[in-house]
Amino acid sequence: MNNRVNSEFSSVGGWAKRCYFAGRALMETTLRPYDLGSTQWYVLWHLATNGPTAQRDLVRLLDLERATLSGIVAALVRKGLVDQSAGGKDQRQRTLQLTEAGKTLWSDLPDLHFIHDAAFGDIDPADLAIAIRVLQTATGRLHDLLGKGNNE
């Protein structure tokens, strides 16, 4: 491996990506028996935790592309886990909520906190706070740069 490629794999961003993918793979493996993917789980988690939510708000809250979320919601509706209804004055806007089947499945799903505990359980909280702060700052800077790129 050349030095540039090697340094990219050992960078903070490289390790953040590897950690994310390892956690997501464990999540996918855990959810597979329930016929759910990780992003479907996040939608269900949000609805179970926060109640009915406008679909457009989930785009921002879960940091997803609108088209991606539309496909995920369509799959959850087909599975009978989520109800999608026209809401408010604008009938084009959709409100999402768990169906009874969705609530039942949610209560049957394993608690995925074990993934966080396995990855971070014995790491000093001060070290975790630094890692969070660094990644939040970097993410904000990249979002700002992306915003500037869209305005130019």
N, C-alpha and C. Protein backbone atom coordinates (compact mmCIF):
# COMPACT_ATOMS: atom_id res chain seq x y z
N MET A 1 0.85 -1.17 0.00
CA MET A 1 0.00 0.00 0.00
C MET A 1 0.89 1.23 0.00
N ASN A 2 0.55 2.21 -0.85
CA ASN A 2 1.38 3.41 -0.83
C ASN A 2 1.08 4.24 0.42
N ASN A 3 1.94 5.22 0.71
CA ASN A 3 1.82 5.98 1.95
C ASN A 3 0.51 6.75 2.05
N ARG A 4 0.03 7.30 0.91
CA ARG A 4 -1.22 8.07 0.95
C ARG A 4 -2.39 7.17 1.31
N VAL A 5 -2.50 6.04 0.67
CA VAL A 5 -3.60 5.11 0.96
C VAL A 5 -3.49 4.62 2.39
N ASN A 6 -2.29 4.26 2.83
CA ASN A 6 -2.08 3.77 4.19
C ASN A 6 -2.48 4.83 5.21
N SER A 7 -2.12 6.10 4.98
CA SER A 7 -2.47 7.14 5.94
C SER A 7 -3.97 7.41 5.94
N GLU A 8 -4.67 7.25 4.81
CA GLU A 8 -6.11 7.44 4.77
C GLU A 8 -6.82 6.38 5.61
N PHE A 9 -6.31 5.15 5.60
CA PHE A 9 -6.93 4.08 6.37
C PHE A 9 -6.66 4.23 7.86
N SER A 10 -5.62 4.94 8.24
CA SER A 10 -5.33 5.11 9.66
C SER A 10 -5.74 6.50 10.15
N SER A 11 -6.47 7.26 9.35
CA SER A 11 -6.92 8.58 9.76
C SER A 11 -8.15 8.48 10.66
N VAL A 12 -8.48 9.59 11.31
CA VAL A 12 -9.68 9.63 12.15
C VAL A 12 -10.90 9.28 11.31
N GLY A 13 -11.01 9.87 10.13
CA GLY A 13 -12.15 9.58 9.25
C GLY A 13 -12.20 8.12 8.84
N GLY A 14 -11.03 7.56 8.55
CA GLY A 14 -10.98 6.15 8.16
C GLY A 14 -11.44 5.24 9.29
N TRP A 15 -11.00 5.54 10.51
CA TRP A 15 -11.41 4.72 11.65
C TRP A 15 -12.88 4.95 12.00
N ALA A 16 -13.37 6.18 11.85
CA ALA A 16 -14.80 6.44 12.09
C ALA A 16 -15.64 5.63 11.12
N LYS A 17 -15.21 5.59 9.87
CA LYS A 17 -15.93 4.82 8.86
C LYS A 17 -15.89 3.33 9.16
N ARG A 18 -14.72 2.83 9.53
CA ARG A 18 -14.61 1.40 9.84
C ARG A 18 -15.45 1.03 11.06
N CYS A 19 -15.47 1.89 12.07
CA CYS A 19 -16.28 1.64 13.27
C CYS A 19 -17.76 1.64 12.90
N TYR A 20 -18.17 2.61 12.11
CA TYR A 20 -19.56 2.70 11.67
C TYR A 20 -19.97 1.43 10.92
N PHE A 21 -19.15 0.99 9.98
CA PHE A 21 -19.48 -0.20 9.20
C PHE A 21 -19.50 -1.46 10.07
N ALA A 22 -18.60 -1.56 11.03
CA ALA A 22 -18.60 -2.73 11.92
C ALA A 22 -19.88 -2.74 12.77
N GLY A 23 -20.25 -1.60 13.31
CA GLY A 23 -21.48 -1.51 14.10
C GLY A 23 -22.71 -1.78 13.26
N ARG A 24 -22.71 -1.24 12.05
CA ARG A 24 -23.86 -1.46 11.16
C ARG A 24 -23.96 -2.93 10.76
N ALA A 25 -22.85 -3.59 10.51
CA ALA A 25 -22.87 -5.02 10.15
C ALA A 25 -23.45 -5.84 11.30
N LEU A 26 -23.06 -5.52 12.53
CA LEU A 26 -23.59 -6.23 13.70
C LEU A 26 -25.09 -5.96 13.84
N MET A 27 -25.48 -4.73 13.60
CA MET A 27 -26.90 -4.37 13.65
C MET A 27 -27.70 -5.13 12.59
N GLU A 28 -27.18 -5.16 11.36
CA GLU A 28 -27.86 -5.87 10.27
C GLU A 28 -28.00 -7.36 10.59
N THR A 29 -26.94 -7.96 11.13
CA THR A 29 -26.98 -9.38 11.49
C THR A 29 -28.03 -9.63 12.58
N THR A 30 -28.10 -8.75 13.55
CA THR A 30 -29.06 -8.89 14.64
C THR A 30 -30.50 -8.72 14.16
N LEU A 31 -30.71 -7.82 13.19
CA LEU A 31 -32.06 -7.52 12.72
C LEU A 31 -32.55 -8.45 11.60
N ARG A 32 -31.63 -9.18 10.97
CA ARG A 32 -32.00 -10.03 9.83
C ARG A 32 -33.15 -10.99 10.15
N PRO A 33 -33.17 -11.65 11.32
CA PRO A 33 -34.29 -12.57 11.60
C PRO A 33 -35.66 -11.87 11.67
N TYR A 34 -35.63 -10.56 11.83
CA TYR A 34 -36.88 -9.78 11.91
C TYR A 34 -37.23 -9.13 10.58
N ASP A 35 -36.46 -9.45 9.54
CA ASP A 35 -36.66 -8.89 8.20
C ASP A 35 -36.60 -7.37 8.20
N LEU A 36 -35.64 -6.83 8.94
CA LEU A 36 -35.43 -5.39 9.01
C LEU A 36 -33.98 -5.06 8.69
N GLY A 37 -33.81 -3.93 8.04
CA GLY A 37 -32.48 -3.37 7.85
C GLY A 37 -32.24 -2.29 8.89
N SER A 38 -31.02 -1.82 8.98
CA SER A 38 -30.67 -0.84 10.01
C SER A 38 -31.41 0.48 9.81
N THR A 39 -31.57 0.93 8.59
CA THR A 39 -32.26 2.20 8.38
C THR A 39 -33.75 2.05 8.65
N GLN A 40 -34.32 0.90 8.33
CA GLN A 40 -35.71 0.65 8.70
C GLN A 40 -35.85 0.69 10.22
N TRP A 41 -34.88 0.10 10.92
CA TRP A 41 -34.89 0.13 12.38
C TRP A 41 -34.88 1.56 12.88
N TYR A 42 -34.05 2.43 12.30
CA TYR A 42 -33.97 3.83 12.74
C TYR A 42 -35.31 4.54 12.57
N VAL A 43 -36.01 4.26 11.47
CA VAL A 43 -37.34 4.87 11.28
C VAL A 43 -38.29 4.37 12.36
N LEU A 44 -38.30 3.05 12.59
CA LEU A 44 -39.16 2.50 13.64
C LEU A 44 -38.79 3.06 15.01
N TRP A 45 -37.50 3.15 15.29
CA TRP A 45 -37.04 3.71 16.57
C TRP A 45 -37.58 5.11 16.76
N HIS A 46 -37.46 5.94 15.72
CA HIS A 46 -37.93 7.32 15.84
C HIS A 46 -39.44 7.36 16.10
N LEU A 47 -40.19 6.57 15.35
CA LEU A 47 -41.65 6.57 15.53
C LEU A 47 -42.04 6.00 16.89
N ALA A 48 -41.34 4.97 17.36
CA ALA A 48 -41.64 4.38 18.67
C ALA A 48 -41.27 5.34 19.80
N THR A 49 -40.22 6.11 19.61
CA THR A 49 -39.73 7.01 20.63
C THR A 49 -40.47 8.34 20.64
N ASN A 50 -40.78 8.87 19.45
CA ASN A 50 -41.32 10.22 19.33
C ASN A 50 -42.76 10.29 18.86
N GLY A 51 -43.33 9.17 18.46
CA GLY A 51 -44.71 9.16 18.00
C GLY A 51 -44.84 9.60 16.55
N PRO A 52 -46.07 9.84 16.11
CA PRO A 52 -46.30 10.21 14.71
C PRO A 52 -45.42 11.39 14.30
N THR A 53 -44.88 11.29 13.10
CA THR A 53 -43.92 12.28 12.62
C THR A 53 -44.16 12.53 11.14
N ALA A 54 -44.05 13.79 10.73
CA ALA A 54 -44.14 14.12 9.31
C ALA A 54 -42.96 13.48 8.59
N GLN A 55 -43.24 12.86 7.45
CA GLN A 55 -42.19 12.18 6.69
C GLN A 55 -41.08 13.15 6.32
N ARG A 56 -41.41 14.36 5.95
CA ARG A 56 -40.38 15.34 5.56
C ARG A 56 -39.45 15.66 6.73
N ASP A 57 -39.97 15.59 7.96
CA ASP A 57 -39.13 15.85 9.14
C ASP A 57 -38.12 14.72 9.36
N LEU A 58 -38.52 13.50 9.01
CA LEU A 58 -37.59 12.37 9.17
C LEU A 58 -36.39 12.49 8.25
N VAL A 59 -36.58 13.10 7.08
CA VAL A 59 -35.45 13.32 6.16
C VAL A 59 -34.34 14.05 6.90
N ARG A 60 -34.71 15.12 7.60
CA ARG A 60 -33.73 15.93 8.34
C ARG A 60 -33.26 15.22 9.60
N LEU A 61 -34.19 14.66 10.36
CA LEU A 61 -33.84 14.04 11.64
C LEU A 61 -32.91 12.84 11.49
N LEU A 62 -33.13 12.05 10.45
CA LEU A 62 -32.31 10.86 10.24
C LEU A 62 -31.21 11.08 9.21
N ASP A 63 -31.12 12.30 8.68
CA ASP A 63 -30.09 12.68 7.72
C ASP A 63 -30.08 11.73 6.51
N LEU A 64 -31.27 11.58 5.91
CA LEU A 64 -31.44 10.71 4.75
C LEU A 64 -31.85 11.52 3.54
N GLU A 65 -31.57 11.00 2.37
CA GLU A 65 -32.10 11.59 1.14
C GLU A 65 -33.60 11.30 1.10
N ARG A 66 -34.35 12.22 0.52
CA ARG A 66 -35.80 12.06 0.44
C ARG A 66 -36.18 10.77 -0.29
N ALA A 67 -35.52 10.49 -1.41
CA ALA A 67 -35.83 9.28 -2.18
C ALA A 67 -35.50 8.01 -1.39
N THR A 68 -34.41 8.04 -0.64
CA THR A 68 -34.05 6.89 0.19
C THR A 68 -35.12 6.64 1.23
N LEU A 69 -35.54 7.70 1.91
CA LEU A 69 -36.56 7.55 2.94
C LEU A 69 -37.88 7.07 2.33
N SER A 70 -38.22 7.57 1.15
CA SER A 70 -39.47 7.14 0.50
C SER A 70 -39.48 5.63 0.27
N GLY A 71 -38.35 5.08 -0.18
CA GLY A 71 -38.26 3.64 -0.40
C GLY A 71 -38.36 2.85 0.90
N ILE A 72 -37.73 3.36 1.93
CA ILE A 72 -37.75 2.69 3.24
C ILE A 72 -39.16 2.71 3.81
N VAL A 73 -39.81 3.86 3.72
CA VAL A 73 -41.18 3.98 4.22
C VAL A 73 -42.11 3.07 3.44
N ALA A 74 -41.95 3.03 2.12
CA ALA A 74 -42.80 2.15 1.29
C ALA A 74 -42.65 0.70 1.73
N ALA A 75 -41.42 0.27 2.02
CA ALA A 75 -41.20 -1.11 2.47
C ALA A 75 -41.86 -1.35 3.83
N LEU A 76 -41.75 -0.39 4.74
CA LEU A 76 -42.36 -0.55 6.06
C LEU A 76 -43.89 -0.54 5.98
N VAL A 77 -44.43 0.24 5.06
CA VAL A 77 -45.89 0.24 4.85
C VAL A 77 -46.33 -1.10 4.29
N ARG A 78 -45.58 -1.63 3.29
CA ARG A 78 -45.91 -2.95 2.71
C ARG A 78 -45.87 -4.05 3.76
N LYS A 79 -44.94 -3.93 4.70
CA LYS A 79 -44.82 -4.93 5.76
C LYS A 79 -45.89 -4.75 6.84
N GLY A 80 -46.67 -3.68 6.74
CA GLY A 80 -47.73 -3.42 7.71
C GLY A 80 -47.24 -2.87 9.03
N LEU A 81 -46.02 -2.32 9.06
CA LEU A 81 -45.43 -1.83 10.30
C LEU A 81 -45.65 -0.34 10.53
N VAL A 82 -45.86 0.38 9.43
CA VAL A 82 -46.01 1.84 9.49
C VAL A 82 -47.23 2.24 8.68
N ASP A 83 -47.98 3.20 9.23
CA ASP A 83 -49.11 3.79 8.52
C ASP A 83 -48.66 5.15 8.00
N GLN A 84 -48.98 5.41 6.74
CA GLN A 84 -48.62 6.67 6.10
C GLN A 84 -49.94 7.34 5.71
N SER A 85 -50.21 8.51 6.29
CA SER A 85 -51.47 9.17 6.00
C SER A 85 -51.24 10.63 5.65
N ALA A 86 -52.16 11.17 4.84
CA ALA A 86 -52.10 12.59 4.52
C ALA A 86 -52.36 13.38 5.78
N GLY A 87 -51.60 14.43 5.96
CA GLY A 87 -51.75 15.17 7.20
C GLY A 87 -51.89 16.65 6.97
N GLY A 88 -52.62 17.29 7.84
CA GLY A 88 -52.71 18.74 7.86
C GLY A 88 -53.39 19.33 6.64
N LYS A 89 -53.07 20.59 6.40
CA LYS A 89 -53.68 21.34 5.29
C LYS A 89 -53.17 20.88 3.94
N ASP A 90 -51.89 20.53 3.88
CA ASP A 90 -51.28 20.09 2.62
C ASP A 90 -51.41 18.58 2.52
N GLN A 91 -52.32 18.12 1.69
CA GLN A 91 -52.59 16.68 1.58
C GLN A 91 -51.42 15.92 0.96
N ARG A 92 -50.43 16.63 0.41
CA ARG A 92 -49.25 15.95 -0.14
C ARG A 92 -48.30 15.52 0.97
N GLN A 93 -48.36 16.20 2.10
CA GLN A 93 -47.49 15.86 3.22
C GLN A 93 -48.01 14.60 3.91
N ARG A 94 -47.10 13.74 4.27
CA ARG A 94 -47.47 12.46 4.88
C ARG A 94 -46.99 12.42 6.32
N THR A 95 -47.86 11.89 7.17
CA THR A 95 -47.51 11.65 8.56
C THR A 95 -47.35 10.15 8.74
N LEU A 96 -46.30 9.77 9.45
CA LEU A 96 -46.00 8.36 9.67
C LEU A 96 -46.24 8.01 11.13
N GLN A 97 -46.76 6.82 11.35
CA GLN A 97 -46.90 6.31 12.71
C GLN A 97 -46.85 4.80 12.68
N LEU A 98 -46.48 4.22 13.80
CA LEU A 98 -46.44 2.76 13.91
C LEU A 98 -47.86 2.21 13.89
N THR A 99 -48.04 1.09 13.20
CA THR A 99 -49.29 0.36 13.27
C THR A 99 -49.24 -0.52 14.52
N GLU A 100 -50.33 -1.21 14.81
CA GLU A 100 -50.31 -2.15 15.94
C GLU A 100 -49.25 -3.23 15.70
N ALA A 101 -49.15 -3.72 14.44
CA ALA A 101 -48.12 -4.71 14.12
C ALA A 101 -46.73 -4.13 14.32
N GLY A 102 -46.55 -2.86 13.97
CA GLY A 102 -45.27 -2.20 14.17
C GLY A 102 -44.92 -2.08 15.64
N LYS A 103 -45.91 -1.75 16.46
CA LYS A 103 -45.69 -1.65 17.91
C LYS A 103 -45.34 -3.02 18.50
N THR A 104 -46.03 -4.05 18.02
CA THR A 104 -45.75 -5.40 18.51
C THR A 104 -44.33 -5.82 18.12
N LEU A 105 -43.97 -5.60 16.85
CA LEU A 105 -42.61 -5.95 16.42
C LEU A 105 -41.58 -5.17 17.23
N TRP A 106 -41.82 -3.87 17.42
CA TRP A 106 -40.87 -3.05 18.17
C TRP A 106 -40.64 -3.62 19.56
N SER A 107 -41.71 -4.05 20.20
CA SER A 107 -41.56 -4.59 21.56
C SER A 107 -40.85 -5.94 21.56
N ASP A 108 -40.86 -6.64 20.42
CA ASP A 108 -40.20 -7.95 20.31
C ASP A 108 -38.73 -7.85 19.89
N LEU A 109 -38.32 -6.69 19.35
CA LEU A 109 -36.95 -6.55 18.85
C LEU A 109 -35.95 -6.56 20.00
N PRO A 110 -34.77 -7.11 19.75
CA PRO A 110 -33.73 -7.08 20.79
C PRO A 110 -33.25 -5.65 21.02
N ASP A 111 -32.83 -5.38 22.24
CA ASP A 111 -32.26 -4.09 22.59
C ASP A 111 -30.87 -4.00 21.96
N LEU A 112 -30.67 -3.02 21.11
CA LEU A 112 -29.40 -2.91 20.38
C LEU A 112 -28.33 -2.12 21.15
N HIS A 113 -28.61 -1.78 22.39
CA HIS A 113 -27.59 -1.09 23.19
C HIS A 113 -26.34 -1.94 23.38
N PHE A 114 -26.48 -3.25 23.22
CA PHE A 114 -25.31 -4.12 23.39
C PHE A 114 -24.21 -3.77 22.39
N ILE A 115 -24.58 -3.22 21.24
CA ILE A 115 -23.58 -2.85 20.23
C ILE A 115 -22.75 -1.67 20.76
N HIS A 116 -23.42 -0.67 21.28
CA HIS A 116 -22.72 0.48 21.86
C HIS A 116 -21.86 0.03 23.04
N ASP A 117 -22.44 -0.82 23.90
CA ASP A 117 -21.71 -1.29 25.07
C ASP A 117 -20.46 -2.08 24.68
N ALA A 118 -20.59 -2.92 23.64
CA ALA A 118 -19.44 -3.71 23.19
C ALA A 118 -18.34 -2.81 22.64
N ALA A 119 -18.73 -1.78 21.91
CA ALA A 119 -17.75 -0.90 21.28
C ALA A 119 -17.13 0.09 22.27
N PHE A 120 -17.95 0.66 23.15
CA PHE A 120 -17.51 1.79 23.95
C PHE A 120 -17.61 1.59 25.46
N GLY A 121 -18.09 0.43 25.91
CA GLY A 121 -18.41 0.22 27.31
C GLY A 121 -17.31 0.49 28.30
N ASP A 122 -16.07 0.15 27.98
CA ASP A 122 -15.00 0.34 28.96
C ASP A 122 -14.06 1.48 28.60
N ILE A 123 -14.49 2.33 27.69
CA ILE A 123 -13.68 3.49 27.30
C ILE A 123 -14.00 4.65 28.23
N ASP A 124 -12.98 5.34 28.66
CA ASP A 124 -13.13 6.47 29.58
C ASP A 124 -14.12 7.49 29.00
N PRO A 125 -15.11 7.90 29.78
CA PRO A 125 -16.09 8.88 29.30
C PRO A 125 -15.45 10.18 28.79
N ALA A 126 -14.35 10.60 29.39
CA ALA A 126 -13.67 11.81 28.92
C ALA A 126 -13.12 11.61 27.51
N ASP A 127 -12.60 10.41 27.23
CA ASP A 127 -12.11 10.11 25.89
C ASP A 127 -13.26 10.10 24.89
N LEU A 128 -14.39 9.52 25.29
CA LEU A 128 -15.57 9.50 24.41
C LEU A 128 -16.05 10.92 24.13
N ALA A 129 -16.03 11.78 25.15
CA ALA A 129 -16.47 13.16 24.97
C ALA A 129 -15.58 13.88 23.96
N ILE A 130 -14.28 13.62 24.02
CA ILE A 130 -13.35 14.22 23.05
C ILE A 130 -13.65 13.70 21.65
N ALA A 131 -13.83 12.40 21.51
CA ALA A 131 -14.12 11.81 20.20
C ALA A 131 -15.41 12.40 19.62
N ILE A 132 -16.43 12.52 20.45
CA ILE A 132 -17.70 13.08 20.00
C ILE A 132 -17.51 14.52 19.55
N ARG A 133 -16.82 15.30 20.35
CA ARG A 133 -16.60 16.71 20.01
C ARG A 133 -15.82 16.86 18.70
N VAL A 134 -14.79 16.06 18.52
CA VAL A 134 -13.99 16.13 17.29
C VAL A 134 -14.85 15.75 16.08
N LEU A 135 -15.60 14.66 16.19
CA LEU A 135 -16.42 14.24 15.05
C LEU A 135 -17.57 15.21 14.78
N GLN A 136 -18.17 15.79 15.82
CA GLN A 136 -19.21 16.81 15.62
C GLN A 136 -18.64 18.02 14.90
N THR A 137 -17.48 18.47 15.33
CA THR A 137 -16.85 19.63 14.71
C THR A 137 -16.53 19.35 13.24
N ALA A 138 -15.93 18.20 12.98
CA ALA A 138 -15.57 17.85 11.61
C ALA A 138 -16.82 17.73 10.74
N THR A 139 -17.86 17.10 11.27
CA THR A 139 -19.11 16.94 10.51
C THR A 139 -19.72 18.30 10.21
N GLY A 140 -19.75 19.18 11.20
CA GLY A 140 -20.29 20.53 10.98
C GLY A 140 -19.51 21.28 9.92
N ARG A 141 -18.19 21.18 9.97
CA ARG A 141 -17.37 21.86 8.97
C ARG A 141 -17.65 21.34 7.56
N LEU A 142 -17.80 20.03 7.45
CA LEU A 142 -18.08 19.45 6.13
C LEU A 142 -19.46 19.82 5.63
N HIS A 143 -20.44 19.85 6.54
CA HIS A 143 -21.79 20.31 6.15
C HIS A 143 -21.76 21.77 5.72
N ASP A 144 -21.00 22.60 6.45
CA ASP A 144 -20.87 24.00 6.06
C ASP A 144 -20.23 24.14 4.69
N LEU A 145 -19.18 23.37 4.44
CA LEU A 145 -18.50 23.40 3.15
C LEU A 145 -19.45 22.95 2.04
N LEU A 146 -20.21 21.93 2.31
CA LEU A 146 -21.18 21.44 1.34
C LEU A 146 -22.22 22.52 1.05
N GLY A 147 -22.69 23.20 2.08
CA GLY A 147 -23.66 24.29 1.91
C GLY A 147 -23.10 25.42 1.07
N LYS A 148 -21.82 25.75 1.32
CA LYS A 148 -21.18 26.81 0.54
C LYS A 148 -21.04 26.38 -0.91
N GLY A 149 -20.73 25.09 -1.12
CA GLY A 149 -20.58 24.58 -2.48
C GLY A 149 -21.89 24.65 -3.26
N ASN A 150 -23.01 24.48 -2.55
CA ASN A 150 -24.32 24.53 -3.22
C ASN A 150 -24.72 25.96 -3.55
N ASN A 151 -24.15 26.95 -2.84
CA ASN A 151 -24.55 28.33 -3.07
C ASN A 151 -23.69 29.03 -4.10
N GLU A 152 -22.57 28.42 -4.48
CA GLU A 152 -21.66 29.09 -5.41
C GLU A 152 -22.00 28.75 -6.84
